[in-house]
Amino acid sequence: MNITFDAYSQADIILRGYAGWNSRFALKVLDQVFPKDAVIQPSLVIVYFGGNDSTHPHPSGLGPHVPLSEFIENMRKIGEHLLSLSDKTRVIFLTPPPMNEKQIEVVFGDVIRGRSNELCRPYAEELLNLCREINVKGIDIWTAIQQQDDWLNSCFTDGIHFTAKASEVVVKEILKVVREADWKPSLYWKSLPVEFPFDFDVPNSISLYDLELTRNNQFEPPHTVSLCDQELTRNEQQLEPQHPVSLSDHELTRNEQQLDPPHPVSLCDHEQLDPPPPTARL
């Protein structure tokens, strides 16, 4: 993904991805990549197939296409194998994403043919059903991308591969699942133990930990403030003036504020209020 993200810099992350691969190829190397007798087993495996599987079958029988029924069976075997590695190995499946068919045609011409959202959608839907069946976390990238503004033009570099904006969507969706999952131990990046001390007690040094939290907070959901909290805060501000006020003056001021507000504010406006962004502690 086209994005710089270092929240898991204290973890060992291994990436594997090959052009044109599908679930059929992955199943053939599954035991080699994830041997059951390995001394150290992964804490989390994120599996991302379906885009190539869902292409239109080539008349020659060659190409990356995998029939839907075989794709689901392959993903079932992959998921069950990964879950059997250890009691603490967690698994997330990402659905195949949508695509910009017109952009694919413009960029690739006849080089890449047979890709369409109509063919891809059932692969995403059936994969989510499988996730519920085998108790694997599933992330609906198919829907998440299409919820973005002007997604056809803003989320793809060539109709297939993601822009930085789309990559951020994927990162946020993954972090949401990891944050909310009832996994013990938690794999959420803020819950991971610190491998080395920050700053080594050097006087007057910048807190690297605070800088890291601030830098990665862009991937966190906004902090929500309830209407009750806002109402309490507003009343506290009205009832606790910064200078002495007589009871009569205070009553007049309070009534003026209630009866003649400077501008109308609806409940919807209250619900959309966001707290100030976090700042690094220097």
C-alpha atoms as a PDB file:
ATOM      1  CA  MET A   1       0.000   0.000   0.000  1.00  0.00           C
ATOM      2  CA  ASN A   2       1.210   3.488  -0.847  1.00  0.00           C
ATOM      3  CA  ILE A   3       1.425   4.814   2.683  1.00  0.00           C
ATOM      4  CA  THR A   4       3.998   5.401   5.399  1.00  0.00           C
ATOM      5  CA  PHE A   5       2.822   3.958   8.692  1.00  0.00           C
ATOM      6  CA  ASP A   6       5.126   3.129  11.591  1.00  0.00           C
ATOM      7  CA  ALA A   7       2.719   2.341  14.429  1.00  0.00           C
ATOM      8  CA  TYR A   8       3.958  -1.258  14.363  1.00  0.00           C
ATOM      9  CA  SER A   9       7.643  -0.401  14.098  1.00  0.00           C
ATOM     10  CA  GLN A  10       8.272  -2.530  17.218  1.00  0.00           C
ATOM     11  CA  ALA A  11       6.873  -5.618  15.453  1.00  0.00           C
ATOM     12  CA  ASP A  12       8.408  -7.843  12.792  1.00  0.00           C
ATOM     13  CA  ILE A  13       6.212  -7.519   9.697  1.00  0.00           C
ATOM     14  CA  ILE A  14       6.729  -9.844   6.737  1.00  0.00           C
ATOM     15  CA  LEU A  15       5.056  -9.014   3.417  1.00  0.00           C
ATOM     16  CA  ARG A  16       4.469 -11.447   0.576  1.00  0.00           C
ATOM     17  CA  GLY A  17       2.731 -10.602  -2.680  1.00  0.00           C
ATOM     18  CA  TYR A  18       3.304 -11.682  -6.255  1.00  0.00           C
ATOM     19  CA  ALA A  19       1.834 -10.339  -9.500  1.00  0.00           C
ATOM     20  CA  GLY A  20      -0.996 -12.439 -10.852  1.00  0.00           C
ATOM     21  CA  TRP A  21      -1.214 -14.761  -7.849  1.00  0.00           C
ATOM     22  CA  ASN A  22      -4.506 -16.159  -6.666  1.00  0.00           C
ATOM     23  CA  SER A  23      -5.851 -18.350  -3.872  1.00  0.00           C
ATOM     24  CA  ARG A  24      -4.941 -21.487  -5.829  1.00  0.00           C
ATOM     25  CA  PHE A  25      -1.251 -20.554  -5.866  1.00  0.00           C
ATOM     26  CA  ALA A  26      -1.357 -19.515  -2.208  1.00  0.00           C
ATOM     27  CA  LEU A  27      -2.764 -22.857  -1.168  1.00  0.00           C
ATOM     28  CA  LYS A  28       0.116 -24.686  -2.868  1.00  0.00           C
ATOM     29  CA  VAL A  29       2.770 -22.860  -0.793  1.00  0.00           C
ATOM     30  CA  LEU A  30       0.768 -22.549   2.431  1.00  0.00           C
ATOM     31  CA  ASP A  31       2.663 -25.227   4.370  1.00  0.00           C
ATOM     32  CA  GLN A  32       5.987 -23.833   3.222  1.00  0.00           C
ATOM     33  CA  VAL A  33       5.229 -20.239   4.172  1.00  0.00           C
ATOM     34  CA  PHE A  34       3.448 -21.163   7.419  1.00  0.00           C
ATOM     35  CA  PRO A  35       4.846 -24.495   8.658  1.00  0.00           C
ATOM     36  CA  LYS A  36       3.014 -25.923  11.640  1.00  0.00           C
ATOM     37  CA  ASP A  37       6.252 -26.976  13.331  1.00  0.00           C
ATOM     38  CA  ALA A  38       7.841 -23.511  13.277  1.00  0.00           C
ATOM     39  CA  VAL A  39       9.347 -22.453  16.610  1.00  0.00           C
ATOM     40  CA  ILE A  40       7.784 -18.984  16.368  1.00  0.00           C
ATOM     41  CA  GLN A  41       4.282 -18.619  14.959  1.00  0.00           C
ATOM     42  CA  PRO A  42       2.789 -15.340  13.727  1.00  0.00           C
ATOM     43  CA  SER A  43       0.578 -13.283  15.985  1.00  0.00           C
ATOM     44  CA  LEU A  44      -1.512 -11.965  13.113  1.00  0.00           C
ATOM     45  CA  VAL A  45      -1.902 -12.977   9.462  1.00  0.00           C
ATOM     46  CA  ILE A  46      -3.772 -10.730   7.022  1.00  0.00           C
ATOM     47  CA  VAL A  47      -4.859 -12.544   3.851  1.00  0.00           C
ATOM     48  CA  TYR A  48      -5.805 -10.621   0.716  1.00  0.00           C
ATOM     49  CA  PHE A  49      -7.014 -12.571  -2.330  1.00  0.00           C
ATOM     50  CA  GLY A  50      -9.910 -12.359  -4.741  1.00  0.00           C
ATOM     51  CA  GLY A  51      -9.032  -9.620  -7.198  1.00  0.00           C
ATOM     52  CA  ASN A  52      -7.200 -11.978  -9.536  1.00  0.00           C
ATOM     53  CA  ASP A  53      -9.425 -14.968  -8.747  1.00  0.00           C
ATOM     54  CA  SER A  54     -12.495 -13.050  -9.908  1.00  0.00           C
ATOM     55  CA  THR A  55     -11.218 -12.151 -13.386  1.00  0.00           C
ATOM     56  CA  HIS A  56     -13.111 -13.532 -16.345  1.00  0.00           C
ATOM     57  CA  PRO A  57     -11.881 -17.013 -17.343  1.00  0.00           C
ATOM     58  CA  HIS A  58      -9.618 -17.027 -20.382  1.00  0.00           C
ATOM     59  CA  PRO A  59     -10.738 -19.239 -23.301  1.00  0.00           C
ATOM     60  CA  SER A  60      -7.406 -21.067 -23.130  1.00  0.00           C
ATOM     61  CA  GLY A  61      -8.015 -22.072 -19.527  1.00  0.00           C
ATOM     62  CA  LEU A  62      -4.901 -20.168 -18.501  1.00  0.00           C
ATOM     63  CA  GLY A  63      -4.762 -17.013 -16.400  1.00  0.00           C
ATOM     64  CA  PRO A  64      -5.508 -16.184 -12.755  1.00  0.00           C
ATOM     65  CA  HIS A  65      -9.238 -16.944 -12.763  1.00  0.00           C
ATOM     66  CA  VAL A  66     -10.481 -19.272 -10.016  1.00  0.00           C
ATOM     67  CA  PRO A  67     -14.168 -20.275  -9.941  1.00  0.00           C
ATOM     68  CA  LEU A  68     -16.091 -18.815  -7.005  1.00  0.00           C
ATOM     69  CA  SER A  69     -16.754 -22.173  -5.351  1.00  0.00           C
ATOM     70  CA  GLU A  70     -13.071 -23.133  -5.541  1.00  0.00           C
ATOM     71  CA  PHE A  71     -12.012 -19.695  -4.291  1.00  0.00           C
ATOM     72  CA  ILE A  72     -14.164 -20.043  -1.177  1.00  0.00           C
ATOM     73  CA  GLU A  73     -12.898 -23.576  -0.550  1.00  0.00           C
ATOM     74  CA  ASN A  74      -9.295 -22.397  -0.952  1.00  0.00           C
ATOM     75  CA  MET A  75      -9.858 -19.555   1.499  1.00  0.00           C
ATOM     76  CA  ARG A  76     -11.483 -21.937   3.944  1.00  0.00           C
ATOM     77  CA  LYS A  77      -8.402 -24.184   3.874  1.00  0.00           C
ATOM     78  CA  ILE A  78      -6.093 -21.179   4.240  1.00  0.00           C
ATOM     79  CA  GLY A  79      -8.049 -19.845   7.209  1.00  0.00           C
ATOM     80  CA  GLU A  80      -8.266 -23.178   8.993  1.00  0.00           C
ATOM     81  CA  HIS A  81      -4.546 -23.803   8.497  1.00  0.00           C
ATOM     82  CA  LEU A  82      -3.595 -20.413   9.899  1.00  0.00           C
ATOM     83  CA  LEU A  83      -5.893 -20.782  12.901  1.00  0.00           C
ATOM     84  CA  SER A  84      -4.256 -24.128  13.698  1.00  0.00           C
ATOM     85  CA  LEU A  85      -0.745 -22.657  13.941  1.00  0.00           C
ATOM     86  CA  SER A  86      -1.150 -21.632  17.582  1.00  0.00           C
ATOM     87  CA  ASP A  87      -3.751 -20.545  20.106  1.00  0.00           C
ATOM     88  CA  LYS A  88      -2.557 -16.945  19.744  1.00  0.00           C
ATOM     89  CA  THR A  89      -2.416 -16.698  15.949  1.00  0.00           C
ATOM     90  CA  ARG A  90      -5.136 -14.329  14.718  1.00  0.00           C
ATOM     91  CA  VAL A  91      -6.404 -14.091  11.144  1.00  0.00           C
ATOM     92  CA  ILE A  92      -7.989 -11.300   9.107  1.00  0.00           C
ATOM     93  CA  PHE A  93      -9.352 -11.724   5.586  1.00  0.00           C
ATOM     94  CA  LEU A  94      -9.650  -8.680   3.319  1.00  0.00           C
ATOM     95  CA  THR A  95     -12.278  -8.839   0.597  1.00  0.00           C
ATOM     96  CA  PRO A  96     -11.275  -7.980  -2.949  1.00  0.00           C
ATOM     97  CA  PRO A  97     -11.826  -4.286  -3.659  1.00  0.00           C
ATOM     98  CA  PRO A  98     -13.865  -2.682  -6.423  1.00  0.00           C
ATOM     99  CA  MET A  99     -12.129  -1.268  -9.485  1.00  0.00           C
ATOM    100  CA  ASN A 100     -12.379   1.526 -12.023  1.00  0.00           C
ATOM    101  CA  GLU A 101     -13.117  -0.389 -15.212  1.00  0.00           C
ATOM    102  CA  LYS A 102     -12.807   2.620 -17.540  1.00  0.00           C
ATOM    103  CA  GLN A 103      -9.437   3.579 -16.070  1.00  0.00           C
ATOM    104  CA  ILE A 104      -8.174   0.018 -16.551  1.00  0.00           C
ATOM    105  CA  GLU A 105      -9.120   0.210 -20.216  1.00  0.00           C
ATOM    106  CA  VAL A 106      -7.416   3.588 -20.678  1.00  0.00           C
ATOM    107  CA  VAL A 107      -4.205   2.603 -18.886  1.00  0.00           C
ATOM    108  CA  PHE A 108      -3.793  -1.013 -20.017  1.00  0.00           C
ATOM    109  CA  GLY A 109      -5.846  -1.307 -23.192  1.00  0.00           C
ATOM    110  CA  ASP A 110      -6.031  -4.939 -24.297  1.00  0.00           C
ATOM    111  CA  VAL A 111      -3.158  -6.022 -22.048  1.00  0.00           C
ATOM    112  CA  ILE A 112      -5.506  -6.574 -19.114  1.00  0.00           C
ATOM    113  CA  ARG A 113      -8.990  -7.757 -19.943  1.00  0.00           C
ATOM    114  CA  GLY A 114     -11.755  -9.567 -18.102  1.00  0.00           C
ATOM    115  CA  ARG A 115     -11.893  -7.515 -14.909  1.00  0.00           C
ATOM    116  CA  SER A 116     -15.224  -6.099 -13.792  1.00  0.00           C
ATOM    117  CA  ASN A 117     -17.041  -5.144 -10.624  1.00  0.00           C
ATOM    118  CA  GLU A 118     -19.920  -7.390 -11.621  1.00  0.00           C
ATOM    119  CA  LEU A 119     -17.639 -10.435 -11.542  1.00  0.00           C
ATOM    120  CA  CYS A 120     -15.783  -9.353  -8.400  1.00  0.00           C
ATOM    121  CA  ARG A 121     -18.725  -8.511  -6.125  1.00  0.00           C
ATOM    122  CA  PRO A 122     -19.843 -12.131  -5.420  1.00  0.00           C
ATOM    123  CA  TYR A 123     -16.283 -13.008  -4.366  1.00  0.00           C
ATOM    124  CA  ALA A 124     -16.358 -10.253  -1.750  1.00  0.00           C
ATOM    125  CA  GLU A 125     -19.819 -11.198  -0.495  1.00  0.00           C
ATOM    126  CA  GLU A 126     -19.130 -14.925  -0.229  1.00  0.00           C
ATOM    127  CA  LEU A 127     -15.802 -14.323   1.480  1.00  0.00           C
ATOM    128  CA  LEU A 128     -17.516 -12.355   4.247  1.00  0.00           C
ATOM    129  CA  ASN A 129     -19.979 -15.215   4.693  1.00  0.00           C
ATOM    130  CA  LEU A 130     -17.064 -17.618   5.029  1.00  0.00           C
ATOM    131  CA  CYS A 131     -15.421 -15.385   7.655  1.00  0.00           C
ATOM    132  CA  ARG A 132     -18.519 -15.613   9.821  1.00  0.00           C
ATOM    133  CA  GLU A 133     -18.676 -19.363   9.331  1.00  0.00           C
ATOM    134  CA  ILE A 134     -15.064 -20.145  10.352  1.00  0.00           C
ATOM    135  CA  ASN A 135     -14.781 -17.333  12.930  1.00  0.00           C
ATOM    136  CA  VAL A 136     -12.214 -15.259  11.079  1.00  0.00           C
ATOM    137  CA  LYS A 137     -12.263 -11.462  11.123  1.00  0.00           C
ATOM    138  CA  GLY A 138     -13.354 -10.116   7.751  1.00  0.00           C
ATOM    139  CA  ILE A 139     -12.918  -6.578   6.437  1.00  0.00           C
ATOM    140  CA  ASP A 140     -15.254  -5.400   3.703  1.00  0.00           C
ATOM    141  CA  ILE A 141     -12.826  -3.437   1.524  1.00  0.00           C
ATOM    142  CA  TRP A 142     -15.337  -3.715  -1.322  1.00  0.00           C
ATOM    143  CA  THR A 143     -17.755  -1.424   0.519  1.00  0.00           C
ATOM    144  CA  ALA A 144     -15.219   0.756   2.365  1.00  0.00           C
ATOM    145  CA  ILE A 145     -13.620   1.984  -0.859  1.00  0.00           C
ATOM    146  CA  GLN A 146     -16.959   2.792  -2.484  1.00  0.00           C
ATOM    147  CA  GLN A 147     -17.930   4.936   0.508  1.00  0.00           C
ATOM    148  CA  GLN A 148     -15.158   7.421  -0.305  1.00  0.00           C
ATOM    149  CA  ASP A 149     -15.929  10.648  -2.127  1.00  0.00           C
ATOM    150  CA  ASP A 150     -15.349  10.324  -5.880  1.00  0.00           C
ATOM    151  CA  TRP A 151     -13.900   6.858  -5.236  1.00  0.00           C
ATOM    152  CA  LEU A 152     -13.565   5.937  -8.903  1.00  0.00           C
ATOM    153  CA  ASN A 153     -11.087   8.757  -9.487  1.00  0.00           C
ATOM    154  CA  SER A 154      -9.489   9.180  -6.070  1.00  0.00           C
ATOM    155  CA  CYS A 155      -8.743   5.608  -5.035  1.00  0.00           C
ATOM    156  CA  PHE A 156      -6.850   4.074  -7.968  1.00  0.00           C
ATOM    157  CA  THR A 157      -3.630   4.824  -9.796  1.00  0.00           C
ATOM    158  CA  ASP A 158      -4.486   2.661 -12.802  1.00  0.00           C
ATOM    159  CA  GLY A 159      -7.962   1.338 -12.106  1.00  0.00           C
ATOM    160  CA  ILE A 160      -6.690  -1.568  -9.982  1.00  0.00           C
ATOM    161  CA  HIS A 161      -3.912  -0.494  -7.620  1.00  0.00           C
ATOM    162  CA  PHE A 162      -4.558   1.869  -4.728  1.00  0.00           C
ATOM    163  CA  THR A 163      -3.636   5.492  -4.267  1.00  0.00           C
ATOM    164  CA  ALA A 164      -2.407   6.720  -0.873  1.00  0.00           C
ATOM    165  CA  LYS A 165      -5.991   7.740  -0.029  1.00  0.00           C
ATOM    166  CA  ALA A 166      -7.327   4.231  -0.611  1.00  0.00           C
ATOM    167  CA  SER A 167      -4.402   2.724   1.290  1.00  0.00           C
ATOM    168  CA  GLU A 168      -5.290   4.888   4.287  1.00  0.00           C
ATOM    169  CA  VAL A 169      -8.828   3.515   4.127  1.00  0.00           C
ATOM    170  CA  VAL A 170      -7.468  -0.032   4.335  1.00  0.00           C
ATOM    171  CA  VAL A 171      -5.162   0.855   7.234  1.00  0.00           C
ATOM    172  CA  LYS A 172      -7.993   2.446   9.202  1.00  0.00           C
ATOM    173  CA  GLU A 173     -10.262  -0.546   8.620  1.00  0.00           C
ATOM    174  CA  ILE A 174      -7.567  -2.951   9.801  1.00  0.00           C
ATOM    175  CA  LEU A 175      -6.792  -0.864  12.892  1.00  0.00           C
ATOM    176  CA  LYS A 176     -10.492  -0.695  13.743  1.00  0.00           C
ATOM    177  CA  VAL A 177     -10.778  -4.483  13.712  1.00  0.00           C
ATOM    178  CA  VAL A 178      -7.587  -4.975  15.710  1.00  0.00           C
ATOM    179  CA  ARG A 179      -8.606  -2.331  18.255  1.00  0.00           C
ATOM    180  CA  GLU A 180     -12.090  -3.757  18.814  1.00  0.00           C
ATOM    181  CA  ALA A 181     -11.189  -7.458  18.714  1.00  0.00           C
ATOM    182  CA  ASP A 182     -11.418  -9.331  21.994  1.00  0.00           C
ATOM    183  CA  TRP A 183      -7.942 -10.818  21.596  1.00  0.00           C
ATOM    184  CA  LYS A 184      -5.731 -11.669  24.534  1.00  0.00           C
ATOM    185  CA  PRO A 185      -3.133 -10.366  24.368  1.00  0.00           C
ATOM    186  CA  SER A 186      -4.354  -7.364  22.409  1.00  0.00           C
ATOM    187  CA  LEU A 187      -2.530  -6.710  19.146  1.00  0.00           C
ATOM    188  CA  TYR A 188      -3.593  -3.072  18.980  1.00  0.00           C
ATOM    189  CA  TRP A 189      -0.506  -0.926  18.431  1.00  0.00           C
ATOM    190  CA  LYS A 190      -1.073   1.253  21.510  1.00  0.00           C
ATOM    191  CA  SER A 191      -1.335  -1.886  23.680  1.00  0.00           C
ATOM    192  CA  LEU A 192       1.903  -3.512  22.561  1.00  0.00           C
ATOM    193  CA  PRO A 193       4.787  -3.512  25.066  1.00  0.00           C
ATOM    194  CA  VAL A 194       7.594  -1.039  24.458  1.00  0.00           C
ATOM    195  CA  GLU A 195      10.664  -2.919  23.274  1.00  0.00           C
ATOM    196  CA  PHE A 196      13.223  -0.281  24.289  1.00  0.00           C
ATOM    197  CA  PRO A 197      12.901   2.741  26.624  1.00  0.00           C
ATOM    198  CA  PHE A 198      12.134   6.026  24.950  1.00  0.00           C
ATOM    199  CA  ASP A 199      14.774   8.761  25.379  1.00  0.00           C
ATOM    200  CA  PHE A 200      16.778   6.705  27.909  1.00  0.00           C
ATOM    201  CA  ASP A 201      16.075   9.341  30.594  1.00  0.00           C
ATOM    202  CA  VAL A 202      18.076  11.973  28.706  1.00  0.00           C
ATOM    203  CA  PRO A 203      17.220  15.367  30.274  1.00  0.00           C
ATOM    204  CA  ASN A 204      15.268  17.867  28.151  1.00  0.00           C
ATOM    205  CA  SER A 205      14.885  15.401  25.281  1.00  0.00           C
ATOM    206  CA  ILE A 206      11.858  15.242  22.992  1.00  0.00           C
ATOM    207  CA  SER A 207       9.489  12.469  23.950  1.00  0.00           C
ATOM    208  CA  LEU A 208       9.721  10.103  20.985  1.00  0.00           C
ATOM    209  CA  TYR A 209       6.781   8.158  22.325  1.00  0.00           C
ATOM    210  CA  ASP A 210       4.530  11.231  22.301  1.00  0.00           C
ATOM    211  CA  LEU A 211       5.689  12.118  18.800  1.00  0.00           C
ATOM    212  CA  GLU A 212       4.873   8.634  17.558  1.00  0.00           C
ATOM    213  CA  LEU A 213       1.404   8.723  19.110  1.00  0.00           C
ATOM    214  CA  THR A 214       0.710  12.122  17.558  1.00  0.00           C
ATOM    215  CA  ARG A 215       2.006  11.141  14.144  1.00  0.00           C
ATOM    216  CA  ASN A 216      -0.140   8.005  13.967  1.00  0.00           C
ATOM    217  CA  ASN A 217      -3.294   9.552  15.426  1.00  0.00           C
ATOM    218  CA  GLN A 218      -4.441  10.377  11.884  1.00  0.00           C
ATOM    219  CA  PHE A 219      -5.489   6.723  11.647  1.00  0.00           C
ATOM    220  CA  GLU A 220      -7.559   6.874  14.834  1.00  0.00           C
ATOM    221  CA  PRO A 221     -11.318   7.464  14.806  1.00  0.00           C
ATOM    222  CA  PRO A 222     -12.280  10.960  16.001  1.00  0.00           C
ATOM    223  CA  HIS A 223     -13.071  11.236  19.689  1.00  0.00           C
ATOM    224  CA  THR A 224     -16.816  11.602  20.070  1.00  0.00           C
ATOM    225  CA  VAL A 225     -18.373  13.963  22.602  1.00  0.00           C
ATOM    226  CA  SER A 226     -21.882  13.128  23.775  1.00  0.00           C
ATOM    227  CA  LEU A 227     -24.648  15.730  23.814  1.00  0.00           C
ATOM    228  CA  CYS A 228     -24.831  15.263  27.576  1.00  0.00           C
ATOM    229  CA  ASP A 229     -21.146  16.136  27.997  1.00  0.00           C
ATOM    230  CA  GLN A 230     -21.527  19.205  25.788  1.00  0.00           C
ATOM    231  CA  GLU A 231     -24.560  20.378  27.744  1.00  0.00           C
ATOM    232  CA  LEU A 232     -22.757  19.937  31.066  1.00  0.00           C
ATOM    233  CA  THR A 233     -19.751  21.852  29.776  1.00  0.00           C
ATOM    234  CA  ARG A 234     -21.923  24.690  28.484  1.00  0.00           C
ATOM    235  CA  ASN A 235     -23.809  24.970  31.780  1.00  0.00           C
ATOM    236  CA  GLU A 236     -20.578  24.907  33.773  1.00  0.00           C
ATOM    237  CA  GLN A 237     -19.239  27.772  31.696  1.00  0.00           C
ATOM    238  CA  GLN A 238     -22.421  29.742  32.299  1.00  0.00           C
ATOM    239  CA  LEU A 239     -22.631  29.015  36.030  1.00  0.00           C
ATOM    240  CA  GLU A 240     -18.935  29.536  36.813  1.00  0.00           C
ATOM    241  CA  PRO A 241     -17.984  33.050  35.608  1.00  0.00           C
ATOM    242  CA  GLN A 242     -14.347  34.126  35.761  1.00  0.00           C
ATOM    243  CA  HIS A 243     -15.150  37.281  37.826  1.00  0.00           C
ATOM    244  CA  PRO A 244     -17.618  37.947  40.670  1.00  0.00           C
ATOM    245  CA  VAL A 245     -21.141  38.649  39.489  1.00  0.00           C
ATOM    246  CA  SER A 246     -24.118  39.454  41.638  1.00  0.00           C
ATOM    247  CA  LEU A 247     -27.020  37.051  41.618  1.00  0.00           C
ATOM    248  CA  SER A 248     -29.248  39.541  39.847  1.00  0.00           C
ATOM    249  CA  ASP A 249     -26.614  40.295  37.196  1.00  0.00           C
ATOM    250  CA  HIS A 250     -25.940  36.596  36.769  1.00  0.00           C
ATOM    251  CA  GLU A 251     -29.645  35.851  36.317  1.00  0.00           C
ATOM    252  CA  LEU A 252     -29.982  38.595  33.710  1.00  0.00           C
ATOM    253  CA  THR A 253     -26.903  37.368  31.860  1.00  0.00           C
ATOM    254  CA  ARG A 254     -28.045  33.768  31.924  1.00  0.00           C
ATOM    255  CA  ASN A 255     -31.526  34.679  30.647  1.00  0.00           C
ATOM    256  CA  GLU A 256     -30.063  36.832  27.882  1.00  0.00           C
ATOM    257  CA  GLN A 257     -27.843  33.964  26.769  1.00  0.00           C
ATOM    258  CA  GLN A 258     -30.746  31.528  26.742  1.00  0.00           C
ATOM    259  CA  LEU A 259     -33.279  33.848  25.081  1.00  0.00           C
ATOM    260  CA  ASP A 260     -31.020  35.643  22.641  1.00  0.00           C
ATOM    261  CA  PRO A 261     -28.147  33.372  21.537  1.00  0.00           C
ATOM    262  CA  PRO A 262     -25.571  34.877  19.161  1.00  0.00           C
ATOM    263  CA  HIS A 263     -26.410  32.247  16.500  1.00  0.00           C
ATOM    264  CA  PRO A 264     -28.681  29.189  16.366  1.00  0.00           C
ATOM    265  CA  VAL A 265     -27.084  25.790  16.939  1.00  0.00           C
ATOM    266  CA  SER A 266     -28.953  22.587  16.094  1.00  0.00           C
ATOM    267  CA  LEU A 267     -28.504  19.194  17.714  1.00  0.00           C
ATOM    268  CA  CYS A 268     -26.936  18.005  14.473  1.00  0.00           C
ATOM    269  CA  ASP A 269     -24.321  20.749  14.801  1.00  0.00           C
ATOM    270  CA  HIS A 270     -23.531  19.554  18.324  1.00  0.00           C
ATOM    271  CA  GLU A 271     -23.101  15.996  17.132  1.00  0.00           C
ATOM    272  CA  GLN A 272     -20.601  17.060  14.492  1.00  0.00           C
ATOM    273  CA  LEU A 273     -18.362  19.037  16.820  1.00  0.00           C
ATOM    274  CA  ASP A 274     -14.844  17.616  16.907  1.00  0.00           C
ATOM    275  CA  PRO A 275     -12.332  18.120  19.722  1.00  0.00           C
ATOM    276  CA  PRO A 276      -9.096  19.954  18.898  1.00  0.00           C
ATOM    277  CA  PRO A 277      -6.438  17.749  17.274  1.00  0.00           C
ATOM    278  CA  PRO A 278      -3.778  16.240  19.553  1.00  0.00           C
ATOM    279  CA  THR A 279      -0.472  18.060  19.745  1.00  0.00           C
ATOM    280  CA  ALA A 280       2.987  16.649  20.342  1.00  0.00           C
ATOM    281  CA  ARG A 281       4.463  17.355  23.758  1.00  0.00           C
ATOM    282  CA  LEU A 282       7.844  18.989  23.146  1.00  0.00           C
END
